[in-house]
PDB file of N, CA and C in Angstrom:
ATOM      1  N   MET A   1     -44.891 -45.437  30.646  1.00  0.00           N
ATOM      2  CA  MET A   1     -44.176 -46.698  30.636  1.00  0.00           C
ATOM      3  C   MET A   1     -44.702 -47.616  29.538  1.00  0.00           C
ATOM      4  N   VAL A   2     -46.014 -47.611  29.330  1.00  0.00           N
ATOM      5  CA  VAL A   2     -46.600 -48.510  28.346  1.00  0.00           C
ATOM      6  C   VAL A   2     -46.242 -48.061  26.932  1.00  0.00           C
ATOM      7  N   ILE A   3     -46.260 -46.766  26.696  1.00  0.00           N
ATOM      8  CA  ILE A   3     -45.904 -46.235  25.368  1.00  0.00           C
ATOM      9  C   ILE A   3     -44.446 -46.537  25.054  1.00  0.00           C
ATOM     10  N   ASP A   4     -43.572 -46.443  26.041  1.00  0.00           N
ATOM     11  CA  ASP A   4     -42.148 -46.718  25.817  1.00  0.00           C
ATOM     12  C   ASP A   4     -41.914 -48.165  25.401  1.00  0.00           C
ATOM     13  N   MET A   5     -42.775 -49.075  25.839  1.00  0.00           N
ATOM     14  CA  MET A   5     -42.628 -50.490  25.489  1.00  0.00           C
ATOM     15  C   MET A   5     -42.854 -50.744  24.006  1.00  0.00           C
ATOM     16  N   ILE A   6     -43.804 -50.021  23.399  1.00  0.00           N
ATOM     17  CA  ILE A   6     -44.181 -50.341  22.022  1.00  0.00           C
ATOM     18  C   ILE A   6     -43.482 -49.472  20.984  1.00  0.00           C
ATOM     19  N   ARG A   7     -42.829 -48.410  21.392  1.00  0.00           N
ATOM     20  CA  ARG A   7     -42.189 -47.506  20.436  1.00  0.00           C
ATOM     21  C   ARG A   7     -41.104 -48.239  19.661  1.00  0.00           C
ATOM     22  N   GLY A   8     -41.199 -48.227  18.316  1.00  0.00           N
ATOM     23  CA  GLY A   8     -40.212 -48.866  17.462  1.00  0.00           C
ATOM     24  C   GLY A   8     -40.440 -50.349  17.220  1.00  0.00           C
ATOM     25  N   GLN A   9     -41.478 -50.929  17.803  1.00  0.00           N
ATOM     26  CA  GLN A   9     -41.762 -52.363  17.646  1.00  0.00           C
ATOM     27  C   GLN A   9     -42.628 -52.609  16.410  1.00  0.00           C
ATOM     28  N   GLN A  10     -42.612 -53.834  15.921  1.00  0.00           N
ATOM     29  CA  GLN A  10     -43.535 -54.208  14.858  1.00  0.00           C
ATOM     30  C   GLN A  10     -44.938 -54.321  15.460  1.00  0.00           C
ATOM     31  N   VAL A  11     -45.953 -54.054  14.655  1.00  0.00           N
ATOM     32  CA  VAL A  11     -47.327 -53.988  15.150  1.00  0.00           C
ATOM     33  C   VAL A  11     -47.790 -55.289  15.805  1.00  0.00           C
ATOM     34  N   PRO A  12     -47.577 -56.479  15.229  1.00  0.00           N
ATOM     35  CA  PRO A  12     -48.037 -57.699  15.918  1.00  0.00           C
ATOM     36  C   PRO A  12     -47.364 -57.903  17.278  1.00  0.00           C
ATOM     37  N   MET A  13     -46.068 -57.580  17.361  1.00  0.00           N
ATOM     38  CA  MET A  13     -45.350 -57.711  18.638  1.00  0.00           C
ATOM     39  C   MET A  13     -45.873 -56.693  19.648  1.00  0.00           C
ATOM     40  N   ALA A  14     -46.144 -55.469  19.197  1.00  0.00           N
ATOM     41  CA  ALA A  14     -46.657 -54.422  20.096  1.00  0.00           C
ATOM     42  C   ALA A  14     -48.037 -54.803  20.616  1.00  0.00           C
ATOM     43  N   LEU A  15     -48.891 -55.334  19.756  1.00  0.00           N
ATOM     44  CA  LEU A  15     -50.226 -55.751  20.201  1.00  0.00           C
ATOM     45  C   LEU A  15     -50.147 -56.904  21.204  1.00  0.00           C
ATOM     46  N   ALA A  16     -49.227 -57.838  20.987  1.00  0.00           N
ATOM     47  CA  ALA A  16     -49.055 -58.953  21.923  1.00  0.00           C
ATOM     48  C   ALA A  16     -48.567 -58.451  23.279  1.00  0.00           C
ATOM     49  N   MET A  17     -47.635 -57.505  23.266  1.00  0.00           N
ATOM     50  CA  MET A  17     -47.136 -56.956  24.530  1.00  0.00           C
ATOM     51  C   MET A  17     -48.239 -56.211  25.274  1.00  0.00           C
ATOM     52  N   LEU A  18     -49.047 -55.433  24.549  1.00  0.00           N
ATOM     53  CA  LEU A  18     -50.125 -54.677  25.189  1.00  0.00           C
ATOM     54  C   LEU A  18     -51.194 -55.609  25.749  1.00  0.00           C
ATOM     55  N   ARG A  19     -51.464 -56.704  25.043  1.00  0.00           N
ATOM     56  CA  ARG A  19     -52.479 -57.647  25.490  1.00  0.00           C
ATOM     57  C   ARG A  19     -52.091 -58.313  26.803  1.00  0.00           C
ATOM     58  N   HIS A  20     -50.783 -58.488  27.049  1.00  0.00           N
ATOM     59  CA  HIS A  20     -50.326 -59.190  28.243  1.00  0.00           C
ATOM     60  C   HIS A  20     -49.768 -58.259  29.311  1.00  0.00           C
ATOM     61  N   THR A  21     -49.970 -56.957  29.156  1.00  0.00           N
ATOM     62  CA  THR A  21     -49.507 -55.991  30.151  1.00  0.00           C
ATOM     63  C   THR A  21     -50.641 -55.708  31.130  1.00  0.00           C
ATOM     64  N   PRO A  22     -50.404 -55.811  32.440  1.00  0.00           N
ATOM     65  CA  PRO A  22     -51.485 -55.630  33.412  1.00  0.00           C
ATOM     66  C   PRO A  22     -51.840 -54.178  33.710  1.00  0.00           C
ATOM     67  N   LYS A  23     -51.218 -53.224  33.056  1.00  0.00           N
ATOM     68  CA  LYS A  23     -51.516 -51.801  33.302  1.00  0.00           C
ATOM     69  C   LYS A  23     -52.851 -51.419  32.666  1.00  0.00           C
ATOM     70  N   HIS A  24     -53.574 -50.496  33.310  1.00  0.00           N
ATOM     71  CA  HIS A  24     -54.857 -50.041  32.794  1.00  0.00           C
ATOM     72  C   HIS A  24     -54.677 -49.295  31.470  1.00  0.00           C
ATOM     73  N   ALA A  25     -53.608 -48.550  31.328  1.00  0.00           N
ATOM     74  CA  ALA A  25     -53.362 -47.771  30.113  1.00  0.00           C
ATOM     75  C   ALA A  25     -53.124 -48.662  28.902  1.00  0.00           C
ATOM     76  N   ALA A  26     -52.725 -49.905  29.104  1.00  0.00           N
ATOM     77  CA  ALA A  26     -52.446 -50.815  27.995  1.00  0.00           C
ATOM     78  C   ALA A  26     -53.699 -51.062  27.163  1.00  0.00           C
ATOM     79  N   ARG A  27     -54.869 -51.137  27.788  1.00  0.00           N
ATOM     80  CA  ARG A  27     -56.111 -51.373  27.049  1.00  0.00           C
ATOM     81  C   ARG A  27     -56.431 -50.175  26.146  1.00  0.00           C
ATOM     82  N   VAL A  28     -56.242 -48.977  26.657  1.00  0.00           N
ATOM     83  CA  VAL A  28     -56.517 -47.763  25.885  1.00  0.00           C
ATOM     84  C   VAL A  28     -55.540 -47.647  24.716  1.00  0.00           C
ATOM     85  N   ILE A  29     -54.278 -47.909  24.967  1.00  0.00           N
ATOM     86  CA  ILE A  29     -53.262 -47.795  23.928  1.00  0.00           C
ATOM     87  C   ILE A  29     -53.432 -48.899  22.879  1.00  0.00           C
ATOM     88  N   GLU A  30     -53.860 -50.089  23.305  1.00  0.00           N
ATOM     89  CA  GLU A  30     -54.115 -51.167  22.340  1.00  0.00           C
ATOM     90  C   GLU A  30     -55.237 -50.776  21.380  1.00  0.00           C
ATOM     91  N   LYS A  31     -56.291 -50.190  21.913  1.00  0.00           N
ATOM     92  CA  LYS A  31     -57.404 -49.746  21.082  1.00  0.00           C
ATOM     93  C   LYS A  31     -56.952 -48.662  20.108  1.00  0.00           C
ATOM     94  N   LEU A  32     -56.119 -47.746  20.578  1.00  0.00           N
ATOM     95  CA  LEU A  32     -55.609 -46.672  19.735  1.00  0.00           C
ATOM     96  C   LEU A  32     -54.675 -47.207  18.652  1.00  0.00           C
ATOM     97  N   LEU A  33     -53.848 -48.191  18.987  1.00  0.00           N
ATOM     98  CA  LEU A  33     -52.944 -48.788  18.010  1.00  0.00           C
ATOM     99  C   LEU A  33     -53.734 -49.535  16.932  1.00  0.00           C
ATOM    100  N   ARG A  34     -54.774 -50.248  17.338  1.00  0.00           N
ATOM    101  CA  ARG A  34     -55.617 -50.934  16.356  1.00  0.00           C
ATOM    102  C   ARG A  34     -56.283 -49.927  15.411  1.00  0.00           C
ATOM    103  N   SER A  35     -56.687 -48.781  15.939  1.00  0.00           N
ATOM    104  CA  SER A  35     -57.282 -47.735  15.116  1.00  0.00           C
ATOM    105  C   SER A  35     -56.263 -47.166  14.130  1.00  0.00           C
ATOM    106  N   ALA A  36     -55.028 -46.952  14.576  1.00  0.00           N
ATOM    107  CA  ALA A  36     -53.983 -46.435  13.692  1.00  0.00           C
ATOM    108  C   ALA A  36     -53.674 -47.423  12.575  1.00  0.00           C
ATOM    109  N   VAL A  37     -53.653 -48.708  12.891  1.00  0.00           N
ATOM    110  CA  VAL A  37     -53.395 -49.738  11.884  1.00  0.00           C
ATOM    111  C   VAL A  37     -54.553 -49.796  10.881  1.00  0.00           C
ATOM    112  N   ALA A  38     -55.785 -49.702  11.368  1.00  0.00           N
ATOM    113  CA  ALA A  38     -56.946 -49.722  10.477  1.00  0.00           C
ATOM    114  C   ALA A  38     -56.929 -48.518   9.542  1.00  0.00           C
ATOM    115  N   ASN A  39     -56.538 -47.357  10.055  1.00  0.00           N
ATOM    116  CA  ASN A  39     -56.440 -46.166   9.210  1.00  0.00           C
ATOM    117  C   ASN A  39     -55.371 -46.347   8.145  1.00  0.00           C
ATOM    118  N   ALA A  40     -54.240 -46.934   8.512  1.00  0.00           N
ATOM    119  CA  ALA A  40     -53.159 -47.154   7.551  1.00  0.00           C
ATOM    120  C   ALA A  40     -53.574 -48.163   6.481  1.00  0.00           C
ATOM    121  N   GLU A  41     -54.301 -49.205   6.879  1.00  0.00           N
ATOM    122  CA  GLU A  41     -54.782 -50.182   5.902  1.00  0.00           C
ATOM    123  C   GLU A  41     -55.827 -49.559   4.979  1.00  0.00           C
ATOM    124  N   GLN A  42     -56.644 -48.666   5.513  1.00  0.00           N
ATOM    125  CA  GLN A  42     -57.655 -47.981   4.700  1.00  0.00           C
ATOM    126  C   GLN A  42     -56.988 -47.112   3.627  1.00  0.00           C
ATOM    127  N   LYS A  43     -55.850 -46.519   3.975  1.00  0.00           N
ATOM    128  CA  LYS A  43     -55.097 -45.691   3.022  1.00  0.00           C
ATOM    129  C   LYS A  43     -54.168 -46.528   2.154  1.00  0.00           C
ATOM    130  N   GLU A  44     -54.231 -47.853   2.324  1.00  0.00           N
ATOM    131  CA  GLU A  44     -53.454 -48.816   1.547  1.00  0.00           C
ATOM    132  C   GLU A  44     -51.950 -48.570   1.657  1.00  0.00           C
ATOM    133  N   LEU A  45     -51.477 -48.397   2.888  1.00  0.00           N
ATOM    134  CA  LEU A  45     -50.045 -48.199   3.135  1.00  0.00           C
ATOM    135  C   LEU A  45     -49.298 -49.516   3.275  1.00  0.00           C
ATOM    136  N   GLY A  46     -50.003 -50.613   3.390  1.00  0.00           N
ATOM    137  CA  GLY A  46     -49.338 -51.905   3.512  1.00  0.00           C
ATOM    138  C   GLY A  46     -50.112 -52.855   4.397  1.00  0.00           C
ATOM    139  N   ASP A  47     -49.514 -54.024   4.604  1.00  0.00           N
ATOM    140  CA  ASP A  47     -50.119 -55.064   5.430  1.00  0.00           C
ATOM    141  C   ASP A  47     -49.821 -54.793   6.899  1.00  0.00           C
ATOM    142  N   SER A  48     -50.788 -55.040   7.758  1.00  0.00           N
ATOM    143  CA  SER A  48     -50.608 -54.754   9.185  1.00  0.00           C
ATOM    144  C   SER A  48     -49.539 -55.639   9.824  1.00  0.00           C
ATOM    145  N   GLU A  49     -49.314 -56.820   9.270  1.00  0.00           N
ATOM    146  CA  GLU A  49     -48.306 -57.735   9.825  1.00  0.00           C
ATOM    147  C   GLU A  49     -46.892 -57.199   9.636  1.00  0.00           C
ATOM    148  N   GLU A  50     -46.687 -56.328   8.662  1.00  0.00           N
ATOM    149  CA  GLU A  50     -45.350 -55.816   8.377  1.00  0.00           C
ATOM    150  C   GLU A  50     -45.136 -54.397   8.898  1.00  0.00           C
ATOM    151  N   MET A  51     -46.188 -53.740   9.386  1.00  0.00           N
ATOM    152  CA  MET A  51     -46.055 -52.365   9.881  1.00  0.00           C
ATOM    153  C   MET A  51     -45.346 -52.337  11.219  1.00  0.00           C
ATOM    154  N   TRP A  52     -44.789 -51.170  11.551  1.00  0.00           N
ATOM    155  CA  TRP A  52     -44.143 -50.963  12.840  1.00  0.00           C
ATOM    156  C   TRP A  52     -44.565 -49.619  13.404  1.00  0.00           C
ATOM    157  N   VAL A  53     -44.437 -49.464  14.709  1.00  0.00           N
ATOM    158  CA  VAL A  53     -44.841 -48.241  15.397  1.00  0.00           C
ATOM    159  C   VAL A  53     -43.722 -47.221  15.210  1.00  0.00           C
ATOM    160  N   SER A  54     -43.944 -46.244  14.360  1.00  0.00           N
ATOM    161  CA  SER A  54     -42.896 -45.273  14.059  1.00  0.00           C
ATOM    162  C   SER A  54     -42.874 -44.126  15.053  1.00  0.00           C
ATOM    163  N   GLN A  55     -44.029 -43.806  15.639  1.00  0.00           N
ATOM    164  CA  GLN A  55     -44.087 -42.701  16.603  1.00  0.00           C
ATOM    165  C   GLN A  55     -45.131 -43.029  17.656  1.00  0.00           C
ATOM    166  N   ALA A  56     -44.794 -42.817  18.905  1.00  0.00           N
ATOM    167  CA  ALA A  56     -45.725 -43.015  20.019  1.00  0.00           C
ATOM    168  C   ALA A  56     -45.391 -41.983  21.091  1.00  0.00           C
ATOM    169  N   VAL A  57     -46.322 -41.045  21.298  1.00  0.00           N
ATOM    170  CA  VAL A  57     -46.068 -39.919  22.192  1.00  0.00           C
ATOM    171  C   VAL A  57     -47.291 -39.690  23.076  1.00  0.00           C
ATOM    172  N   VAL A  58     -47.057 -39.353  24.332  1.00  0.00           N
ATOM    173  CA  VAL A  58     -48.123 -38.933  25.242  1.00  0.00           C
ATOM    174  C   VAL A  58     -47.787 -37.527  25.722  1.00  0.00           C
ATOM    175  N   ASN A  59     -48.672 -36.579  25.417  1.00  0.00           N
ATOM    176  CA  ASN A  59     -48.490 -35.192  25.838  1.00  0.00           C
ATOM    177  C   ASN A  59     -49.563 -34.807  26.834  1.00  0.00           C
ATOM    178  N   CYS A  60     -49.300 -33.766  27.569  1.00  0.00           N
ATOM    179  CA  CYS A  60     -50.244 -33.262  28.561  1.00  0.00           C
ATOM    180  C   CYS A  60     -51.434 -32.611  27.868  1.00  0.00           C
ATOM    181  N   GLY A  61     -52.627 -32.902  28.345  1.00  0.00           N
ATOM    182  CA  GLY A  61     -53.839 -32.306  27.801  1.00  0.00           C
ATOM    183  C   GLY A  61     -54.377 -31.259  28.759  1.00  0.00           C
ATOM    184  N   PRO A  62     -55.588 -30.806  28.528  1.00  0.00           N
ATOM    185  CA  PRO A  62     -56.164 -29.798  29.424  1.00  0.00           C
ATOM    186  C   PRO A  62     -56.411 -30.377  30.820  1.00  0.00           C
ATOM    187  N   ILE A  63     -56.361 -29.517  31.810  1.00  0.00           N
ATOM    188  CA  ILE A  63     -56.595 -29.913  33.199  1.00  0.00           C
ATOM    189  C   ILE A  63     -57.941 -29.342  33.627  1.00  0.00           C
ATOM    190  N   TYR A  64     -58.856 -30.225  34.019  1.00  0.00           N
ATOM    191  CA  TYR A  64     -60.155 -29.782  34.496  1.00  0.00           C
ATOM    192  C   TYR A  64     -60.045 -29.478  35.986  1.00  0.00           C
ATOM    193  N   LYS A  65     -60.474 -28.291  36.369  1.00  0.00           N
ATOM    194  CA  LYS A  65     -60.362 -27.885  37.769  1.00  0.00           C
ATOM    195  C   LYS A  65     -61.728 -27.994  38.437  1.00  0.00           C
ATOM    196  N   ARG A  66     -61.769 -28.761  39.500  1.00  0.00           N
ATOM    197  CA  ARG A  66     -63.001 -28.988  40.258  1.00  0.00           C
ATOM    198  C   ARG A  66     -62.730 -28.682  41.729  1.00  0.00           C
ATOM    199  N   PHE A  67     -63.817 -28.545  42.503  1.00  0.00           N
ATOM    200  CA  PHE A  67     -63.680 -28.282  43.924  1.00  0.00           C
ATOM    201  C   PHE A  67     -64.472 -29.297  44.718  1.00  0.00           C
ATOM    202  N   ARG A  68     -63.939 -29.695  45.856  1.00  0.00           N
ATOM    203  CA  ARG A  68     -64.600 -30.634  46.750  1.00  0.00           C
ATOM    204  C   ARG A  68     -64.895 -29.910  48.066  1.00  0.00           C
ATOM    205  N   ALA A  69     -66.102 -30.055  48.544  1.00  0.00           N
ATOM    206  CA  ALA A  69     -66.498 -29.408  49.793  1.00  0.00           C
ATOM    207  C   ALA A  69     -65.760 -30.041  50.969  1.00  0.00           C
ATOM    208  N   ARG A  70     -65.300 -29.204  51.862  1.00  0.00           N
ATOM    209  CA  ARG A  70     -64.623 -29.656  53.083  1.00  0.00           C
ATOM    210  C   ARG A  70     -65.352 -29.087  54.296  1.00  0.00           C
ATOM    211  N   SER A  71     -64.834 -29.362  55.448  1.00  0.00           N
ATOM    212  CA  SER A  71     -65.488 -28.927  56.674  1.00  0.00           C
ATOM    213  C   SER A  71     -65.393 -27.410  56.857  1.00  0.00           C
ATOM    214  N   MET A  72     -66.300 -26.880  57.644  1.00  0.00           N
ATOM    215  CA  MET A  72     -66.344 -25.459  58.034  1.00  0.00           C
ATOM    216  C   MET A  72     -66.468 -24.536  56.821  1.00  0.00           C
ATOM    217  N   GLY A  73     -67.177 -24.981  55.785  1.00  0.00           N
ATOM    218  CA  GLY A  73     -67.458 -24.132  54.636  1.00  0.00           C
ATOM    219  C   GLY A  73     -66.295 -23.924  53.691  1.00  0.00           C
ATOM    220  N   ARG A  74     -65.253 -24.694  53.827  1.00  0.00           N
ATOM    221  CA  ARG A  74     -64.086 -24.548  52.965  1.00  0.00           C
ATOM    222  C   ARG A  74     -64.184 -25.479  51.770  1.00  0.00           C
ATOM    223  N   ALA A  75     -63.245 -25.314  50.849  1.00  0.00           N
ATOM    224  CA  ALA A  75     -63.215 -26.169  49.662  1.00  0.00           C
ATOM    225  C   ALA A  75     -61.767 -26.463  49.294  1.00  0.00           C
ATOM    226  N   ASN A  76     -61.519 -27.670  48.827  1.00  0.00           N
ATOM    227  CA  ASN A  76     -60.201 -28.054  48.301  1.00  0.00           C
ATOM    228  C   ASN A  76     -60.310 -28.189  46.798  1.00  0.00           C
ATOM    229  N   SER A  77     -59.256 -27.792  46.097  1.00  0.00           N
ATOM    230  CA  SER A  77     -59.279 -27.906  44.642  1.00  0.00           C
ATOM    231  C   SER A  77     -58.810 -29.294  44.223  1.00  0.00           C
ATOM    232  N   ILE A  78     -59.392 -29.790  43.150  1.00  0.00           N
ATOM    233  CA  ILE A  78     -59.036 -31.079  42.564  1.00  0.00           C
ATOM    234  C   ILE A  78     -58.693 -30.817  41.105  1.00  0.00           C
ATOM    235  N   GLN A  79     -57.561 -31.344  40.658  1.00  0.00           N
ATOM    236  CA  GLN A  79     -57.167 -31.203  39.267  1.00  0.00           C
ATOM    237  C   GLN A  79     -57.322 -32.551  38.579  1.00  0.00           C
ATOM    238  N   LYS A  80     -58.195 -32.603  37.574  1.00  0.00           N
ATOM    239  CA  LYS A  80     -58.396 -33.826  36.806  1.00  0.00           C
ATOM    240  C   LYS A  80     -57.566 -33.702  35.535  1.00  0.00           C
ATOM    241  N   ARG A  81     -56.470 -34.434  35.498  1.00  0.00           N
ATOM    242  CA  ARG A  81     -55.532 -34.324  34.387  1.00  0.00           C
ATOM    243  C   ARG A  81     -55.963 -35.207  33.222  1.00  0.00           C
ATOM    244  N   THR A  82     -55.718 -34.722  32.017  1.00  0.00           N
ATOM    245  CA  THR A  82     -55.986 -35.477  30.809  1.00  0.00           C
ATOM    246  C   THR A  82     -54.709 -35.538  29.982  1.00  0.00           C
ATOM    247  N   SER A  83     -54.730 -36.323  28.914  1.00  0.00           N
ATOM    248  CA  SER A  83     -53.536 -36.433  28.075  1.00  0.00           C
ATOM    249  C   SER A  83     -53.935 -36.630  26.618  1.00  0.00           C
ATOM    250  N   HIS A  84     -53.017 -36.286  25.734  1.00  0.00           N
ATOM    251  CA  HIS A  84     -53.162 -36.507  24.302  1.00  0.00           C
ATOM    252  C   HIS A  84     -52.201 -37.625  23.919  1.00  0.00           C
ATOM    253  N   ILE A  85     -52.710 -38.682  23.296  1.00  0.00           N
ATOM    254  CA  ILE A  85     -51.879 -39.810  22.886  1.00  0.00           C
ATOM    255  C   ILE A  85     -51.808 -39.821  21.363  1.00  0.00           C
ATOM    256  N   THR A  86     -50.588 -39.894  20.823  1.00  0.00           N
ATOM    257  CA  THR A  86     -50.378 -39.939  19.381  1.00  0.00           C
ATOM    258  C   THR A  86     -49.601 -41.196  19.041  1.00  0.00           C
ATOM    259  N   ILE A  87     -50.152 -42.006  18.139  1.00  0.00           N
ATOM    260  CA  ILE A  87     -49.470 -43.208  17.665  1.00  0.00           C
ATOM    261  C   ILE A  87     -49.486 -43.178  16.141  1.00  0.00           C
ATOM    262  N   ALA A  88     -48.307 -43.354  15.534  1.00  0.00           N
ATOM    263  CA  ALA A  88     -48.184 -43.416  14.081  1.00  0.00           C
ATOM    264  C   ALA A  88     -47.526 -44.734  13.708  1.00  0.00           C
ATOM    265  N   VAL A  89     -48.057 -45.369  12.669  1.00  0.00           N
ATOM    266  CA  VAL A  89     -47.467 -46.608  12.164  1.00  0.00           C
ATOM    267  C   VAL A  89     -46.920 -46.337  10.767  1.00  0.00           C
ATOM    268  N   ALA A  90     -45.891 -47.093  10.408  1.00  0.00           N
ATOM    269  CA  ALA A  90     -45.261 -46.920   9.100  1.00  0.00           C
ATOM    270  C   ALA A  90     -45.131 -48.265   8.405  1.00  0.00           C
ATOM    271  N   ALA A  91     -45.120 -48.207   7.101  1.00  0.00           N
ATOM    272  CA  ALA A  91     -44.930 -49.408   6.288  1.00  0.00           C
ATOM    273  C   ALA A  91     -43.453 -49.774   6.298  1.00  0.00           C
ATOM    274  N   PRO A  92     -43.108 -51.026   6.004  1.00  0.00           N
ATOM    275  CA  PRO A  92     -41.712 -51.448   6.063  1.00  0.00           C
ATOM    276  C   PRO A  92     -40.818 -50.751   5.042  1.00  0.00           C
ATOM    277  N   ASN A  93     -41.371 -50.243   3.942  1.00  0.00           N
ATOM    278  CA  ASN A  93     -40.540 -49.585   2.949  1.00  0.00           C
ATOM    279  C   ASN A  93     -40.182 -48.150   3.348  1.00  0.00           C
ATOM    280  N   ALA A  94     -40.835 -47.608   4.391  1.00  0.00           N
ATOM    281  CA  ALA A  94     -40.509 -46.267   4.874  1.00  0.00           C
ATOM    282  C   ALA A  94     -39.221 -46.315   5.679  1.00  0.00           C
ATOM    283  N   ALA A  95     -38.525 -45.191   5.723  1.00  0.00           N
ATOM    284  CA  ALA A  95     -37.254 -45.122   6.468  1.00  0.00           C
ATOM    285  C   ALA A  95     -37.535 -45.254   7.955  1.00  0.00           C
ATOM    286  N   HIS A  96     -36.757 -46.080   8.632  1.00  0.00           N
ATOM    287  CA  HIS A  96     -36.920 -46.317  10.076  1.00  0.00           C
ATOM    288  C   HIS A  96     -36.196 -45.231  10.831  1.00  0.00           C
ATOM    289  N   SER A  97     -36.966 -44.356  11.524  1.00  0.00           N
ATOM    290  CA  SER A  97     -36.349 -43.280  12.310  1.00  0.00           C
ATOM    291  C   SER A  97     -36.463 -43.613  13.780  1.00  0.00           C
ATOM    292  N   SER A  98     -35.367 -43.533  14.500  1.00  0.00           N
ATOM    293  CA  SER A  98     -35.388 -43.859  15.924  1.00  0.00           C
ATOM    294  C   SER A  98     -35.407 -42.627  16.763  1.00  0.00           C
TER     295      SER A  98
END
């Protein structure tokens, strides 16, 4: 839900939305978006005020399988799910793909 909010938005607007979103994932995605913008500025792709979020995707990552002890010598399995988050920013002169 949080990624869907920022997809296609300009970077300052996306950062403002993430800052005021009460979801836990918003903090992680805000940090990742700031990193993507810093990388783009390092490569001299443009000013961060004019950039927009061109791609934002969350894919399934590896699942860690653990076991929890239960009564009478049994065990229940626990799946700890992870995810891969990809955020790409583009300069305003790049073609806007939706």
